Amino acid sequence: MGDSLTNAAEYAIYVNAFLKTRFPNEKIKVIYAGTDGERTVDMFARYQSDVIDQGATEVYILFGANDINRGLYPTGAESD
């Protein structure tokens, strides 16, 4: 699950390839859930439908860039 950093699906492709080559006898399904332009709050809003309801047992969440780019963190917050 992620924002535009994962929307190209390359991350899911790499994870799937890694898992298939390391665990060839396991039944593994990688669910892709990246959406352009989303902020953390947007991803949490669709977490149930896009992750849990799809039967995911493990989840990797990559988010945060859009929060920073949209000024949601106050100036100087990184030094607190």
PDB file of N, CA and C in Angstrom:
ATOM      1  N   MET A   1       0.856  -1.170   0.000  1.00  0.00           N
ATOM      2  CA  MET A   1       0.000   0.000   0.000  1.00  0.00           C
ATOM      3  C   MET A   1       0.897   1.226   0.000  1.00  0.00           C
ATOM      4  N   GLY A   2       0.523   2.208  -0.781  1.00  0.00           N
ATOM      5  CA  GLY A   2       1.336   3.400  -0.816  1.00  0.00           C
ATOM      6  C   GLY A   2       0.751   4.511  -1.645  1.00  0.00           C
ATOM      7  N   ASP A   3       1.564   5.540  -1.833  1.00  0.00           N
ATOM      8  CA  ASP A   3       1.164   6.700  -2.619  1.00  0.00           C
ATOM      9  C   ASP A   3       1.804   6.612  -4.003  1.00  0.00           C
ATOM     10  N   SER A   4       2.131   7.739  -4.588  1.00  0.00           N
ATOM     11  CA  SER A   4       2.701   7.745  -5.932  1.00  0.00           C
ATOM     12  C   SER A   4       4.055   7.039  -6.013  1.00  0.00           C
ATOM     13  N   LEU A   5       4.742   6.912  -4.900  1.00  0.00           N
ATOM     14  CA  LEU A   5       6.024   6.204  -4.911  1.00  0.00           C
ATOM     15  C   LEU A   5       5.846   4.719  -5.246  1.00  0.00           C
ATOM     16  N   THR A   6       4.671   4.181  -4.985  1.00  0.00           N
ATOM     17  CA  THR A   6       4.403   2.773  -5.288  1.00  0.00           C
ATOM     18  C   THR A   6       3.423   2.589  -6.435  1.00  0.00           C
ATOM     19  N   ASN A   7       2.863   3.659  -6.955  1.00  0.00           N
ATOM     20  CA  ASN A   7       1.819   3.519  -7.968  1.00  0.00           C
ATOM     21  C   ASN A   7       2.308   2.931  -9.284  1.00  0.00           C
ATOM     22  N   ALA A   8       3.569   3.045  -9.596  1.00  0.00           N
ATOM     23  CA  ALA A   8       4.075   2.462 -10.841  1.00  0.00           C
ATOM     24  C   ALA A   8       4.076   0.943 -10.781  1.00  0.00           C
ATOM     25  N   ALA A   9       3.762   0.376  -9.637  1.00  0.00           N
ATOM     26  CA  ALA A   9       3.673  -1.062  -9.385  1.00  0.00           C
ATOM     27  C   ALA A   9       5.025  -1.763  -9.388  1.00  0.00           C
ATOM     28  N   GLU A  10       6.098  -1.043  -9.621  1.00  0.00           N
ATOM     29  CA  GLU A  10       7.407  -1.686  -9.635  1.00  0.00           C
ATOM     30  C   GLU A  10       7.741  -2.294  -8.281  1.00  0.00           C
ATOM     31  N   TYR A  11       7.392  -1.619  -7.212  1.00  0.00           N
ATOM     32  CA  TYR A  11       7.668  -2.146  -5.879  1.00  0.00           C
ATOM     33  C   TYR A  11       6.978  -3.501  -5.696  1.00  0.00           C
ATOM     34  N   ALA A  12       5.706  -3.582  -6.053  1.00  0.00           N
ATOM     35  CA  ALA A  12       4.961  -4.837  -5.915  1.00  0.00           C
ATOM     36  C   ALA A  12       5.556  -5.926  -6.798  1.00  0.00           C
ATOM     37  N   ILE A  13       6.008  -5.570  -7.973  1.00  0.00           N
ATOM     38  CA  ILE A  13       6.632  -6.544  -8.881  1.00  0.00           C
ATOM     39  C   ILE A  13       7.911  -7.088  -8.262  1.00  0.00           C
ATOM     40  N   TYR A  14       8.734  -6.212  -7.695  1.00  0.00           N
ATOM     41  CA  TYR A  14       9.988  -6.648  -7.061  1.00  0.00           C
ATOM     42  C   TYR A  14       9.730  -7.519  -5.836  1.00  0.00           C
ATOM     43  N   VAL A  15       8.768  -7.130  -5.018  1.00  0.00           N
ATOM     44  CA  VAL A  15       8.437  -7.923  -3.830  1.00  0.00           C
ATOM     45  C   VAL A  15       7.925  -9.292  -4.243  1.00  0.00           C
ATOM     46  N   ASN A  16       7.044  -9.330  -5.229  1.00  0.00           N
ATOM     47  CA  ASN A  16       6.508 -10.598  -5.714  1.00  0.00           C
ATOM     48  C   ASN A  16       7.630 -11.500  -6.230  1.00  0.00           C
ATOM     49  N   ALA A  17       8.522 -10.959  -7.034  1.00  0.00           N
ATOM     50  CA  ALA A  17       9.641 -11.737  -7.579  1.00  0.00           C
ATOM     51  C   ALA A  17      10.537 -12.252  -6.450  1.00  0.00           C
ATOM     52  N   PHE A  18      10.811 -11.402  -5.473  1.00  0.00           N
ATOM     53  CA  PHE A  18      11.641 -11.811  -4.332  1.00  0.00           C
ATOM     54  C   PHE A  18      11.002 -12.989  -3.601  1.00  0.00           C
ATOM     55  N   LEU A  19       9.719 -12.862  -3.289  1.00  0.00           N
ATOM     56  CA  LEU A  19       9.035 -13.911  -2.534  1.00  0.00           C
ATOM     57  C   LEU A  19       8.917 -15.209  -3.322  1.00  0.00           C
ATOM     58  N   LYS A  20       8.612 -15.113  -4.604  1.00  0.00           N
ATOM     59  CA  LYS A  20       8.471 -16.315  -5.448  1.00  0.00           C
ATOM     60  C   LYS A  20       9.789 -17.067  -5.584  1.00  0.00           C
ATOM     61  N   THR A  21      10.903 -16.349  -5.653  1.00  0.00           N
ATOM     62  CA  THR A  21      12.186 -17.024  -5.800  1.00  0.00           C
ATOM     63  C   THR A  21      12.692 -17.591  -4.473  1.00  0.00           C
ATOM     64  N   ARG A  22      12.325 -16.978  -3.362  1.00  0.00           N
ATOM     65  CA  ARG A  22      12.771 -17.467  -2.056  1.00  0.00           C
ATOM     66  C   ARG A  22      11.867 -18.557  -1.505  1.00  0.00           C
ATOM     67  N   PHE A  23      10.587 -18.498  -1.858  1.00  0.00           N
ATOM     68  CA  PHE A  23       9.604 -19.457  -1.330  1.00  0.00           C
ATOM     69  C   PHE A  23       8.774 -20.044  -2.476  1.00  0.00           C
ATOM     70  N   PRO A  24       9.406 -20.803  -3.375  1.00  0.00           N
ATOM     71  CA  PRO A  24       8.717 -21.281  -4.574  1.00  0.00           C
ATOM     72  C   PRO A  24       7.553 -22.237  -4.302  1.00  0.00           C
ATOM     73  N   ASN A  25       7.517 -22.875  -3.161  1.00  0.00           N
ATOM     74  CA  ASN A  25       6.447 -23.832  -2.858  1.00  0.00           C
ATOM     75  C   ASN A  25       5.305 -23.231  -2.050  1.00  0.00           C
ATOM     76  N   GLU A  26       5.438 -21.969  -1.706  1.00  0.00           N
ATOM     77  CA  GLU A  26       4.400 -21.287  -0.924  1.00  0.00           C
ATOM     78  C   GLU A  26       3.379 -20.626  -1.841  1.00  0.00           C
ATOM     79  N   LYS A  27       2.133 -20.621  -1.406  1.00  0.00           N
ATOM     80  CA  LYS A  27       1.085 -19.917  -2.148  1.00  0.00           C
ATOM     81  C   LYS A  27       1.094 -18.457  -1.670  1.00  0.00           C
ATOM     82  N   ILE A  28       1.639 -17.576  -2.502  1.00  0.00           N
ATOM     83  CA  ILE A  28       1.777 -16.165  -2.141  1.00  0.00           C
ATOM     84  C   ILE A  28       1.081 -15.314  -3.200  1.00  0.00           C
ATOM     85  N   LYS A  29       0.283 -14.368  -2.723  1.00  0.00           N
ATOM     86  CA  LYS A  29      -0.393 -13.428  -3.616  1.00  0.00           C
ATOM     87  C   LYS A  29      -0.043 -12.015  -3.160  1.00  0.00           C
ATOM     88  N   VAL A  30       0.577 -11.237  -4.045  1.00  0.00           N
ATOM     89  CA  VAL A  30       0.909  -9.860  -3.726  1.00  0.00           C
ATOM     90  C   VAL A  30      -0.240  -8.977  -4.211  1.00  0.00           C
ATOM     91  N   ILE A  31      -0.793  -8.204  -3.305  1.00  0.00           N
ATOM     92  CA  ILE A  31      -1.891  -7.295  -3.625  1.00  0.00           C
ATOM     93  C   ILE A  31      -1.306  -5.904  -3.783  1.00  0.00           C
ATOM     94  N   TYR A  32      -1.514  -5.329  -4.922  1.00  0.00           N
ATOM     95  CA  TYR A  32      -1.002  -3.993  -5.218  1.00  0.00           C
ATOM     96  C   TYR A  32      -2.045  -2.949  -4.817  1.00  0.00           C
ATOM     97  N   ALA A  33      -1.652  -1.953  -4.034  1.00  0.00           N
ATOM     98  CA  ALA A  33      -2.598  -0.929  -3.583  1.00  0.00           C
ATOM     99  C   ALA A  33      -1.942   0.450  -3.523  1.00  0.00           C
ATOM    100  N   GLY A  34      -1.279   0.853  -4.604  1.00  0.00           N
ATOM    101  CA  GLY A  34      -0.678   2.175  -4.669  1.00  0.00           C
ATOM    102  C   GLY A  34      -1.583   3.137  -5.423  1.00  0.00           C
ATOM    103  N   THR A  35      -1.707   4.362  -4.944  1.00  0.00           N
ATOM    104  CA  THR A  35      -2.554   5.371  -5.583  1.00  0.00           C
ATOM    105  C   THR A  35      -1.821   6.712  -5.622  1.00  0.00           C
ATOM    106  N   ASP A  36      -1.733   7.297  -6.806  1.00  0.00           N
ATOM    107  CA  ASP A  36      -1.069   8.599  -6.979  1.00  0.00           C
ATOM    108  C   ASP A  36      -1.671   9.681  -6.099  1.00  0.00           C
ATOM    109  N   GLY A  37      -0.809  10.514  -5.566  1.00  0.00           N
ATOM    110  CA  GLY A  37      -1.238  11.742  -4.906  1.00  0.00           C
ATOM    111  C   GLY A  37      -1.825  11.600  -3.528  1.00  0.00           C
ATOM    112  N   GLU A  38      -1.856  10.408  -2.985  1.00  0.00           N
ATOM    113  CA  GLU A  38      -2.506  10.247  -1.692  1.00  0.00           C
ATOM    114  C   GLU A  38      -1.619  10.671  -0.536  1.00  0.00           C
ATOM    115  N   ARG A  39      -2.290  11.149   0.504  1.00  0.00           N
ATOM    116  CA  ARG A  39      -1.636  11.473   1.761  1.00  0.00           C
ATOM    117  C   ARG A  39      -1.900  10.320   2.727  1.00  0.00           C
ATOM    118  N   THR A  40      -1.268  10.352   3.856  1.00  0.00           N
ATOM    119  CA  THR A  40      -1.435   9.292   4.849  1.00  0.00           C
ATOM    120  C   THR A  40      -2.903   9.120   5.215  1.00  0.00           C
ATOM    121  N   VAL A  41      -3.601  10.200   5.449  1.00  0.00           N
ATOM    122  CA  VAL A  41      -5.015  10.129   5.841  1.00  0.00           C
ATOM    123  C   VAL A  41      -5.860   9.449   4.749  1.00  0.00           C
ATOM    124  N   ASP A  42      -5.525   9.672   3.473  1.00  0.00           N
ATOM    125  CA  ASP A  42      -6.256   9.037   2.371  1.00  0.00           C
ATOM    126  C   ASP A  42      -6.040   7.524   2.375  1.00  0.00           C
ATOM    127  N   MET A  43      -4.804   7.113   2.632  1.00  0.00           N
ATOM    128  CA  MET A  43      -4.504   5.676   2.652  1.00  0.00           C
ATOM    129  C   MET A  43      -5.198   4.983   3.819  1.00  0.00           C
ATOM    130  N   PHE A  44      -5.203   5.620   4.970  1.00  0.00           N
ATOM    131  CA  PHE A  44      -5.904   5.018   6.104  1.00  0.00           C
ATOM    132  C   PHE A  44      -7.396   4.888   5.818  1.00  0.00           C
ATOM    133  N   ALA A  45      -7.962   5.806   5.057  1.00  0.00           N
ATOM    134  CA  ALA A  45      -9.387   5.750   4.727  1.00  0.00           C
ATOM    135  C   ALA A  45      -9.729   4.542   3.863  1.00  0.00           C
ATOM    136  N   ARG A  46      -8.798   4.077   3.037  1.00  0.00           N
ATOM    137  CA  ARG A  46      -9.076   2.928   2.169  1.00  0.00           C
ATOM    138  C   ARG A  46      -8.379   1.645   2.623  1.00  0.00           C
ATOM    139  N   TYR A  47      -7.746   1.676   3.772  1.00  0.00           N
ATOM    140  CA  TYR A  47      -7.017   0.522   4.283  1.00  0.00           C
ATOM    141  C   TYR A  47      -7.910  -0.715   4.402  1.00  0.00           C
ATOM    142  N   GLN A  48      -9.074  -0.566   4.972  1.00  0.00           N
ATOM    143  CA  GLN A  48      -9.987  -1.700   5.158  1.00  0.00           C
ATOM    144  C   GLN A  48     -10.366  -2.326   3.818  1.00  0.00           C
ATOM    145  N   SER A  49     -10.833  -1.522   2.875  1.00  0.00           N
ATOM    146  CA  SER A  49     -11.302  -2.067   1.596  1.00  0.00           C
ATOM    147  C   SER A  49     -10.183  -2.548   0.688  1.00  0.00           C
ATOM    148  N   ASP A  50      -9.052  -1.866   0.704  1.00  0.00           N
ATOM    149  CA  ASP A  50      -7.970  -2.209  -0.231  1.00  0.00           C
ATOM    150  C   ASP A  50      -6.944  -3.192   0.318  1.00  0.00           C
ATOM    151  N   VAL A  51      -6.949  -3.418   1.630  1.00  0.00           N
ATOM    152  CA  VAL A  51      -5.969  -4.328   2.216  1.00  0.00           C
ATOM    153  C   VAL A  51      -6.666  -5.458   2.988  1.00  0.00           C
ATOM    154  N   ILE A  52      -7.355  -5.128   4.041  1.00  0.00           N
ATOM    155  CA  ILE A  52      -7.980  -6.136   4.897  1.00  0.00           C
ATOM    156  C   ILE A  52      -9.040  -6.941   4.142  1.00  0.00           C
ATOM    157  N   ASP A  53      -9.957  -6.256   3.464  1.00  0.00           N
ATOM    158  CA  ASP A  53     -11.030  -6.954   2.740  1.00  0.00           C
ATOM    159  C   ASP A  53     -10.516  -7.790   1.571  1.00  0.00           C
ATOM    160  N   GLN A  54      -9.289  -7.548   1.129  1.00  0.00           N
ATOM    161  CA  GLN A  54      -8.682  -8.333   0.050  1.00  0.00           C
ATOM    162  C   GLN A  54      -8.000  -9.591   0.583  1.00  0.00           C
ATOM    163  N   GLY A  55      -8.008  -9.768   1.899  1.00  0.00           N
ATOM    164  CA  GLY A  55      -7.450 -10.965   2.507  1.00  0.00           C
ATOM    165  C   GLY A  55      -5.979 -10.896   2.847  1.00  0.00           C
ATOM    166  N   ALA A  56      -5.422  -9.707   2.890  1.00  0.00           N
ATOM    167  CA  ALA A  56      -3.992  -9.567   3.195  1.00  0.00           C
ATOM    168  C   ALA A  56      -3.686 -10.066   4.606  1.00  0.00           C
ATOM    169  N   THR A  57      -2.589 -10.783   4.718  1.00  0.00           N
ATOM    170  CA  THR A  57      -2.128 -11.240   6.030  1.00  0.00           C
ATOM    171  C   THR A  57      -0.872 -10.490   6.464  1.00  0.00           C
ATOM    172  N   GLU A  58      -0.227  -9.841   5.524  1.00  0.00           N
ATOM    173  CA  GLU A  58       0.951  -8.997   5.778  1.00  0.00           C
ATOM    174  C   GLU A  58       0.769  -7.746   4.929  1.00  0.00           C
ATOM    175  N   VAL A  59       1.267  -6.624   5.406  1.00  0.00           N
ATOM    176  CA  VAL A  59       1.159  -5.404   4.611  1.00  0.00           C
ATOM    177  C   VAL A  59       2.441  -4.577   4.748  1.00  0.00           C
ATOM    178  N   TYR A  60       2.870  -4.024   3.628  1.00  0.00           N
ATOM    179  CA  TYR A  60       3.991  -3.089   3.587  1.00  0.00           C
ATOM    180  C   TYR A  60       3.405  -1.759   3.159  1.00  0.00           C
ATOM    181  N   ILE A  61       3.564  -0.755   3.994  1.00  0.00           N
ATOM    182  CA  ILE A  61       2.994   0.562   3.713  1.00  0.00           C
ATOM    183  C   ILE A  61       4.134   1.545   3.472  1.00  0.00           C
ATOM    184  N   LEU A  62       4.087   2.193   2.313  1.00  0.00           N
ATOM    185  CA  LEU A  62       5.091   3.187   1.943  1.00  0.00           C
ATOM    186  C   LEU A  62       4.365   4.509   1.689  1.00  0.00           C
ATOM    187  N   PHE A  63       4.466   5.416   2.625  1.00  0.00           N
ATOM    188  CA  PHE A  63       3.773   6.690   2.460  1.00  0.00           C
ATOM    189  C   PHE A  63       4.535   7.808   3.132  1.00  0.00           C
ATOM    190  N   GLY A  64       4.091   9.034   2.879  1.00  0.00           N
ATOM    191  CA  GLY A  64       4.663  10.184   3.554  1.00  0.00           C
ATOM    192  C   GLY A  64       5.127  11.303   2.650  1.00  0.00           C
ATOM    193  N   ALA A  65       5.520  10.997   1.414  1.00  0.00           N
ATOM    194  CA  ALA A  65       6.057  12.035   0.539  1.00  0.00           C
ATOM    195  C   ALA A  65       5.025  13.105   0.213  1.00  0.00           C
ATOM    196  N   ASN A  66       3.788  12.722  -0.009  1.00  0.00           N
ATOM    197  CA  ASN A  66       2.765  13.711  -0.340  1.00  0.00           C
ATOM    198  C   ASN A  66       2.408  14.579   0.857  1.00  0.00           C
ATOM    199  N   ASP A  67       2.513  14.034   2.058  1.00  0.00           N
ATOM    200  CA  ASP A  67       2.275  14.841   3.256  1.00  0.00           C
ATOM    201  C   ASP A  67       3.289  15.974   3.337  1.00  0.00           C
ATOM    202  N   ILE A  68       4.538  15.653   3.065  1.00  0.00           N
ATOM    203  CA  ILE A  68       5.601  16.657   3.123  1.00  0.00           C
ATOM    204  C   ILE A  68       5.445  17.680   2.007  1.00  0.00           C
ATOM    205  N   ASN A  69       5.189  17.196   0.800  1.00  0.00           N
ATOM    206  CA  ASN A  69       5.071  18.084  -0.358  1.00  0.00           C
ATOM    207  C   ASN A  69       3.899  19.043  -0.266  1.00  0.00           C
ATOM    208  N   ARG A  70       2.905  18.720   0.511  1.00  0.00           N
ATOM    209  CA  ARG A  70       1.722  19.580   0.609  1.00  0.00           C
ATOM    210  C   ARG A  70       1.748  20.469   1.838  1.00  0.00           C
ATOM    211  N   GLY A  71       2.904  20.559   2.473  1.00  0.00           N
ATOM    212  CA  GLY A  71       3.046  21.481   3.594  1.00  0.00           C
ATOM    213  C   GLY A  71       2.293  21.093   4.842  1.00  0.00           C
ATOM    214  N   LEU A  72       2.073  19.809   5.048  1.00  0.00           N
ATOM    215  CA  LEU A  72       1.322  19.386   6.220  1.00  0.00           C
ATOM    216  C   LEU A  72       2.164  19.355   7.483  1.00  0.00           C
ATOM    217  N   TYR A  73       3.489  19.474   7.316  1.00  0.00           N
ATOM    218  CA  TYR A  73       4.367  19.541   8.476  1.00  0.00           C
ATOM    219  C   TYR A  73       4.837  20.985   8.622  1.00  0.00           C
ATOM    220  N   PRO A  74       4.782  21.529   9.820  1.00  0.00           N
ATOM    221  CA  PRO A  74       5.205  22.921  10.012  1.00  0.00           C
ATOM    222  C   PRO A  74       6.705  23.085   9.802  1.00  0.00           C
ATOM    223  N   THR A  75       7.090  24.279   9.396  1.00  0.00           N
ATOM    224  CA  THR A  75       8.512  24.589   9.224  1.00  0.00           C
ATOM    225  C   THR A  75       9.243  24.369  10.528  1.00  0.00           C
ATOM    226  N   GLY A  76      10.380  23.677  10.456  1.00  0.00           N
ATOM    227  CA  GLY A  76      11.172  23.404  11.632  1.00  0.00           C
ATOM    228  C   GLY A  76      10.775  22.152  12.376  1.00  0.00           C
ATOM    229  N   ALA A  77       9.729  21.454  11.951  1.00  0.00           N
ATOM    230  CA  ALA A  77       9.272  20.245  12.630  1.00  0.00           C
ATOM    231  C   ALA A  77      10.318  19.168  12.621  1.00  0.00           C
ATOM    232  N   GLU A  78      11.145  19.129  11.561  1.00  0.00           N
ATOM    233  CA  GLU A  78      12.160  18.083  11.481  1.00  0.00           C
ATOM    234  C   GLU A  78      13.223  18.207  12.554  1.00  0.00           C
ATOM    235  N   SER A  79      13.327  19.373  13.192  1.00  0.00           N
ATOM    236  CA  SER A  79      14.348  19.552  14.221  1.00  0.00           C
ATOM    237  C   SER A  79      13.793  19.329  15.629  1.00  0.00           C
ATOM    238  N   ASP A  80      12.487  19.099  15.756  1.00  0.00           N
ATOM    239  CA  ASP A  80      11.873  18.877  17.077  1.00  0.00           C
ATOM    240  C   ASP A  80      12.179  17.497  17.605  1.00  0.00           C
TER     241      ASP A  80
END
